[in-house]
Amino acid sequence: MACKVEELRQIPLFALLDEEEIGVLAAQVEIKKFAARQRIYKLGEPGKHAYVMMSGVVRVTTVDRDHQEVLVDEPHDGEFFGFASMLEDTPHQTTALAIEETTCVEVSRDDIAALLQQKPMAGMDMLTVVSRQFHASQELVRLRANRNSNDVIEEEMSFGDRIADTVARFGGSWTFIILFGAVLLVYAAANIVLRGRAWDPYPFILLNLFLSMLAAIQAPVIMMSQNRQDTKDRVRGELDYDVNLRAESEIQNLSGKLNMLTEKIGDVDDLLREHLKLKEHLPGR
């Protein structure tokens, strides 16, 4: 289905193109409609086309080393997917599936090449839009990498959670033990000294009632605080996992680069050896 200029104008990737440039692009690209649960492309297929969302819902997934499906992206209207494989002309590294009826703009290398041949400056406009999204992604990653687990926990705490933590913190301190012990001693001493005029003579039945009520209230509050502590540990564990995952990815990238450098050094070494052998066999040497 042919694409209209007005439809492309609504897509952020092409927002900076002028009327003539976007007209050239509209003559090249096509509108593709996908039914619910229809696969747009699968992992390993040639990356001939990329897609820009216009409407619908798409899940972009890949498979990890444990053969488990991993969600990579859920592009929204105006966002694109499959561009890296299309531009590099390499097989897709992901699988795209339309969750519901979806409409996309299908773009190929030839479409981009035709636009750039007629309008070279259109490439700068498109790169500007892509760079903005790239910088936004970098900022998101930076913020996630710098997240403090205590800040995340504080944001999720309710007023009741804060009270529970405060009560548990005070109830488990030496300040509470000393103050509570002093109050008990003063209470018992006063009732013993007053004897017949005591409001709570030995064995201090009223005091036992107060202590029972205090324990009945304090126990569930402390349990609430313990539940909060479990939540804190879970959040810290998730954040540690994210950090470890990013660290593993960086280590794998560095390892790949080191292997590539080792191979290049080996190639240079082989070339030098061949060059030396040629020099040895040259006449007059």
Protein backbone atom coordinates (compact mmCIF):
# COMPACT_ATOMS: atom_id res chain seq x y z
CA MET A 1 0.00 0.00 0.00
CA ALA A 2 1.36 3.41 -0.99
CA CYS A 3 2.24 5.84 1.77
CA LYS A 4 0.92 9.38 2.06
CA VAL A 5 3.05 12.39 2.92
CA GLU A 6 0.72 13.29 5.80
CA GLU A 7 1.26 9.87 7.36
CA LEU A 8 5.05 10.15 7.21
CA ARG A 9 4.91 13.65 8.67
CA GLN A 10 3.53 12.18 11.92
CA ILE A 11 6.60 9.95 12.37
CA PRO A 12 9.39 11.53 14.50
CA LEU A 13 12.12 9.85 12.41
CA PHE A 14 11.05 11.89 9.38
CA ALA A 15 9.89 15.01 11.22
CA LEU A 16 12.82 17.18 10.06
CA LEU A 17 12.45 16.37 6.36
CA ASP A 18 11.06 19.15 4.20
CA GLU A 19 8.07 18.72 1.88
CA GLU A 20 10.14 17.74 -1.14
CA GLU A 21 12.27 15.24 0.78
CA ILE A 22 9.33 13.60 2.49
CA GLY A 23 7.55 13.45 -0.88
CA VAL A 24 10.48 11.50 -2.34
CA LEU A 25 10.44 9.12 0.61
CA ALA A 26 6.67 8.63 0.44
CA ALA A 27 7.03 7.49 -3.17
CA GLN A 28 9.53 4.82 -2.08
CA VAL A 29 8.17 3.27 1.13
CA GLU A 30 5.04 1.19 1.66
CA ILE A 31 2.44 0.79 4.37
CA LYS A 32 2.25 -2.77 5.75
CA LYS A 33 -0.61 -4.15 7.82
CA PHE A 34 -0.15 -7.15 10.09
CA ALA A 35 -2.87 -9.22 11.73
CA ALA A 36 -2.87 -10.09 15.42
CA ARG A 37 -0.23 -12.75 16.27
CA GLN A 38 1.34 -12.38 12.81
CA ARG A 39 5.12 -12.54 12.70
CA ILE A 40 6.74 -9.54 11.02
CA TYR A 41 10.19 -11.11 10.82
CA LYS A 42 12.05 -13.79 12.74
CA LEU A 43 15.51 -14.25 14.18
CA GLY A 44 18.05 -15.10 11.48
CA GLU A 45 16.02 -13.83 8.52
CA PRO A 46 17.82 -11.47 6.10
CA GLY A 47 17.43 -7.91 7.33
CA LYS A 48 16.06 -6.49 4.11
CA HIS A 49 13.46 -4.25 5.72
CA ALA A 50 12.98 -2.15 8.82
CA TYR A 51 9.68 -0.91 10.19
CA VAL A 52 8.30 2.25 11.75
CA MET A 53 5.26 1.91 14.02
CA MET A 54 2.10 3.73 13.05
CA SER A 55 -0.46 1.90 15.19
CA GLY A 56 -0.86 -1.37 17.06
CA VAL A 57 1.38 -3.33 19.42
CA VAL A 58 4.60 -5.16 18.53
CA ARG A 59 6.88 -7.29 20.71
CA VAL A 60 10.54 -7.50 19.70
CA THR A 61 12.24 -10.49 21.33
CA THR A 62 15.44 -12.49 21.11
CA VAL A 63 16.72 -15.80 22.52
CA ASP A 64 19.50 -15.91 25.11
CA ARG A 65 22.18 -18.57 25.51
CA ASP A 66 19.81 -20.63 27.67
CA HIS A 67 17.29 -20.64 24.80
CA GLN A 68 14.90 -18.48 26.79
CA GLU A 69 12.87 -15.77 25.07
CA VAL A 70 13.91 -12.29 26.20
CA LEU A 71 11.85 -9.15 25.57
CA VAL A 72 14.01 -6.53 23.84
CA ASP A 73 11.53 -3.77 23.04
CA GLU A 74 7.87 -2.87 22.66
CA PRO A 75 8.02 0.05 20.22
CA HIS A 76 5.32 2.71 20.45
CA ASP A 77 3.79 4.75 17.65
CA GLY A 78 6.50 6.58 15.72
CA GLU A 79 9.32 4.33 16.99
CA PHE A 80 11.24 1.98 14.73
CA PHE A 81 12.66 -1.54 14.92
CA GLY A 82 14.87 -3.70 12.70
CA PHE A 83 16.88 -0.71 11.45
CA ALA A 84 20.32 -1.99 12.51
CA SER A 85 20.01 -5.21 10.50
CA MET A 86 18.53 -3.35 7.54
CA LEU A 87 21.30 -0.76 7.42
CA GLU A 88 24.04 -3.37 7.93
CA ASP A 89 22.33 -5.80 5.53
CA THR A 90 22.78 -8.58 8.08
CA PRO A 91 20.34 -11.19 9.46
CA HIS A 92 17.90 -9.98 12.08
CA GLN A 93 19.08 -10.53 15.64
CA THR A 94 15.51 -10.38 16.97
CA THR A 95 12.00 -11.60 16.23
CA ALA A 96 9.15 -9.10 15.78
CA LEU A 97 5.57 -10.23 16.42
CA ALA A 98 2.40 -8.18 16.04
CA ILE A 99 0.38 -8.66 19.25
CA GLU A 100 -2.69 -6.99 17.77
CA GLU A 101 -3.59 -5.56 14.39
CA THR A 102 -0.64 -3.37 13.51
CA THR A 103 0.24 -0.86 10.81
CA CYS A 104 3.87 -0.06 9.99
CA VAL A 105 5.90 1.80 7.40
CA GLU A 106 8.23 -0.66 5.67
CA VAL A 107 11.64 0.82 4.80
CA SER A 108 14.50 -0.80 2.88
CA ARG A 109 18.10 0.16 2.10
CA ASP A 110 17.05 0.99 -1.44
CA ASP A 111 14.42 3.42 -0.11
CA ILE A 112 17.01 5.22 1.98
CA ALA A 113 19.54 5.17 -0.88
CA ALA A 114 17.00 6.64 -3.33
CA LEU A 115 16.19 9.43 -0.90
CA LEU A 116 19.86 10.23 -0.27
CA GLN A 117 20.69 10.23 -3.97
CA GLN A 118 18.06 12.87 -4.65
CA LYS A 119 18.25 14.69 -1.33
CA PRO A 120 21.64 14.13 0.37
CA MET A 121 20.89 16.52 3.24
CA ALA A 122 17.89 14.40 4.23
CA GLY A 123 20.39 11.94 5.69
CA MET A 124 21.59 14.57 8.17
CA ASP A 125 18.01 15.25 9.26
CA MET A 126 17.33 11.57 9.84
CA LEU A 127 20.62 11.10 11.66
CA THR A 128 19.73 14.04 13.90
CA VAL A 129 16.48 12.38 14.94
CA VAL A 130 18.19 9.02 15.48
CA SER A 131 20.94 10.65 17.56
CA ARG A 132 18.31 12.27 19.79
CA GLN A 133 16.75 8.89 20.50
CA PHE A 134 20.22 7.40 21.02
CA HIS A 135 21.11 10.12 23.54
CA ALA A 136 17.79 9.58 25.31
CA SER A 137 18.59 5.86 25.57
CA GLN A 138 22.06 6.65 26.89
CA GLU A 139 20.59 8.96 29.52
CA LEU A 140 18.12 6.25 30.53
CA VAL A 141 20.93 3.71 30.88
CA ARG A 142 23.02 6.21 32.84
CA LEU A 143 20.18 6.92 35.25
CA ARG A 144 19.51 3.21 35.71
CA ALA A 145 23.21 2.52 36.27
CA ASN A 146 23.39 5.29 38.87
CA ARG A 147 20.25 4.28 40.74
CA ASN A 148 20.74 4.01 44.47
CA SER A 149 18.82 1.12 46.03
CA ASN A 150 17.96 3.24 49.08
CA ASP A 151 16.46 5.95 46.84
CA VAL A 152 14.35 3.38 44.99
CA ILE A 153 13.12 1.93 48.29
CA GLU A 154 12.33 5.36 49.72
CA GLU A 155 10.22 6.22 46.68
CA GLU A 156 8.09 3.09 47.15
CA MET A 157 7.55 3.48 50.91
CA SER A 158 4.11 4.52 52.16
CA PHE A 159 3.38 6.53 55.31
CA GLY A 160 2.49 3.34 57.20
CA ASP A 161 5.75 1.71 56.14
CA ARG A 162 7.72 4.67 57.47
CA ILE A 163 5.89 4.48 60.83
CA ALA A 164 6.53 0.72 61.05
CA ASP A 165 10.24 1.19 60.34
CA THR A 166 10.49 3.98 62.92
CA VAL A 167 8.72 1.93 65.62
CA ALA A 168 10.87 -1.14 64.88
CA ARG A 169 14.03 0.98 64.86
CA PHE A 170 13.19 2.61 68.20
CA GLY A 171 11.88 -0.62 69.77
CA GLY A 172 15.12 -2.42 68.97
CA SER A 173 17.44 0.24 70.40
CA TRP A 174 19.19 0.57 73.75
CA THR A 175 17.39 3.88 74.22
CA PHE A 176 14.05 2.09 74.29
CA ILE A 177 15.35 -0.67 76.58
CA ILE A 178 16.81 1.79 79.09
CA LEU A 179 13.77 4.10 79.08
CA PHE A 180 11.31 1.22 79.31
CA GLY A 181 13.31 -0.41 82.11
CA ALA A 182 13.40 2.88 84.01
CA VAL A 183 9.63 3.33 83.64
CA LEU A 184 8.99 -0.22 84.91
CA LEU A 185 11.26 0.30 87.91
CA VAL A 186 9.62 3.63 88.81
CA TYR A 187 6.13 2.13 88.36
CA ALA A 188 6.88 -0.91 90.52
CA ALA A 189 8.73 1.12 93.17
CA ALA A 190 5.91 3.66 93.45
CA ASN A 191 3.26 0.97 93.95
CA ILE A 192 5.40 -0.85 96.52
CA VAL A 193 6.11 2.34 98.51
CA LEU A 194 2.47 3.44 98.52
CA ARG A 195 1.32 0.02 99.78
CA GLY A 196 -2.38 0.40 100.68
CA ARG A 197 -2.78 3.52 98.59
CA ALA A 198 -1.20 1.93 95.48
CA TRP A 199 -3.32 2.04 92.32
CA ASP A 200 -1.74 -1.23 91.09
CA PRO A 201 -0.42 -3.27 94.03
CA TYR A 202 1.77 -6.34 93.61
CA PRO A 203 1.61 -8.46 91.34
CA PHE A 204 0.91 -5.37 89.19
CA ILE A 205 -2.07 -6.72 87.24
CA LEU A 206 -2.72 -3.36 85.52
CA LEU A 207 0.91 -3.17 84.44
CA ASN A 208 0.70 -6.70 83.00
CA LEU A 209 -2.38 -5.60 81.03
CA PHE A 210 -0.53 -2.60 79.60
CA LEU A 211 2.48 -4.76 78.72
CA SER A 212 0.26 -7.33 76.97
CA MET A 213 -1.45 -4.62 74.91
CA LEU A 214 1.93 -3.09 74.04
CA ALA A 215 3.26 -6.47 72.92
CA ALA A 216 0.08 -7.14 70.90
CA ILE A 217 0.55 -3.87 69.01
CA GLN A 218 4.32 -3.92 68.76
CA ALA A 219 4.60 -7.46 67.35
CA PRO A 220 2.66 -6.88 64.09
CA VAL A 221 4.36 -3.50 63.62
CA ILE A 222 7.76 -5.20 63.86
CA MET A 223 6.56 -7.90 61.44
CA MET A 224 5.56 -5.14 59.00
CA SER A 225 9.05 -3.72 59.28
CA GLN A 226 10.54 -7.17 58.65
CA ASN A 227 8.43 -7.48 55.52
CA ARG A 228 9.78 -4.12 54.43
CA GLN A 229 13.30 -5.42 55.02
CA ASP A 230 12.56 -8.41 52.78
CA THR A 231 11.37 -6.00 50.10
CA LYS A 232 14.52 -3.93 50.49
CA ASP A 233 16.68 -7.03 50.08
CA ARG A 234 14.74 -8.01 46.96
CA VAL A 235 15.15 -4.55 45.40
CA ARG A 236 18.86 -4.52 46.20
CA GLY A 237 19.18 -7.99 44.69
CA GLU A 238 17.45 -6.90 41.49
CA LEU A 239 19.65 -3.81 41.19
CA ASP A 240 22.77 -5.91 41.82
CA TYR A 241 21.60 -8.32 39.13
CA ASP A 242 21.17 -5.46 36.64
CA VAL A 243 24.65 -4.18 37.43
CA ASN A 244 26.17 -7.65 37.10
CA LEU A 245 24.35 -8.18 33.81
CA ARG A 246 25.70 -4.94 32.38
CA ALA A 247 29.17 -5.78 33.67
CA GLU A 248 28.99 -9.20 32.02
CA SER A 249 27.94 -7.60 28.74
CA GLU A 250 30.84 -5.13 28.90
CA ILE A 251 33.29 -7.93 29.70
CA GLN A 252 32.01 -9.96 26.75
CA ASN A 253 32.42 -6.94 24.47
CA LEU A 254 35.96 -6.36 25.71
CA SER A 255 36.76 -10.04 25.31
CA GLY A 256 35.48 -9.96 21.73
CA LYS A 257 37.60 -6.90 20.97
CA LEU A 258 40.67 -8.54 22.50
CA ASN A 259 40.11 -11.67 20.42
CA MET A 260 39.76 -9.54 17.30
CA LEU A 261 42.98 -7.68 18.13
CA THR A 262 44.75 -10.99 18.71
CA GLU A 263 43.59 -12.23 15.32
CA LYS A 264 44.72 -9.00 13.64
CA ILE A 265 48.12 -9.21 15.31
CA GLY A 266 48.39 -12.81 14.13
CA ASP A 267 47.55 -11.73 10.57
CA VAL A 268 50.21 -9.00 10.71
CA ASP A 269 52.73 -11.49 12.06
CA ASP A 270 51.98 -13.89 9.20
CA LEU A 271 52.37 -11.10 6.65
CA LEU A 272 55.71 -10.08 8.15
CA ARG A 273 56.97 -13.66 8.04
CA GLU A 274 55.91 -14.02 4.39
CA HIS A 275 57.58 -10.72 3.57
CA LEU A 276 60.82 -11.82 5.21
CA LYS A 277 60.76 -15.13 3.32
CA LEU A 278 60.27 -13.27 0.01
CA LYS A 279 63.23 -11.01 0.83
CA GLU A 280 65.41 -14.02 1.59
CA HIS A 281 64.60 -15.60 -1.79
CA LEU A 282 65.15 -12.45 -3.81
CA PRO A 283 68.27 -12.53 -6.06
CA GLY A 284 71.32 -10.80 -4.72
CA ARG A 285 70.24 -11.19 -1.11
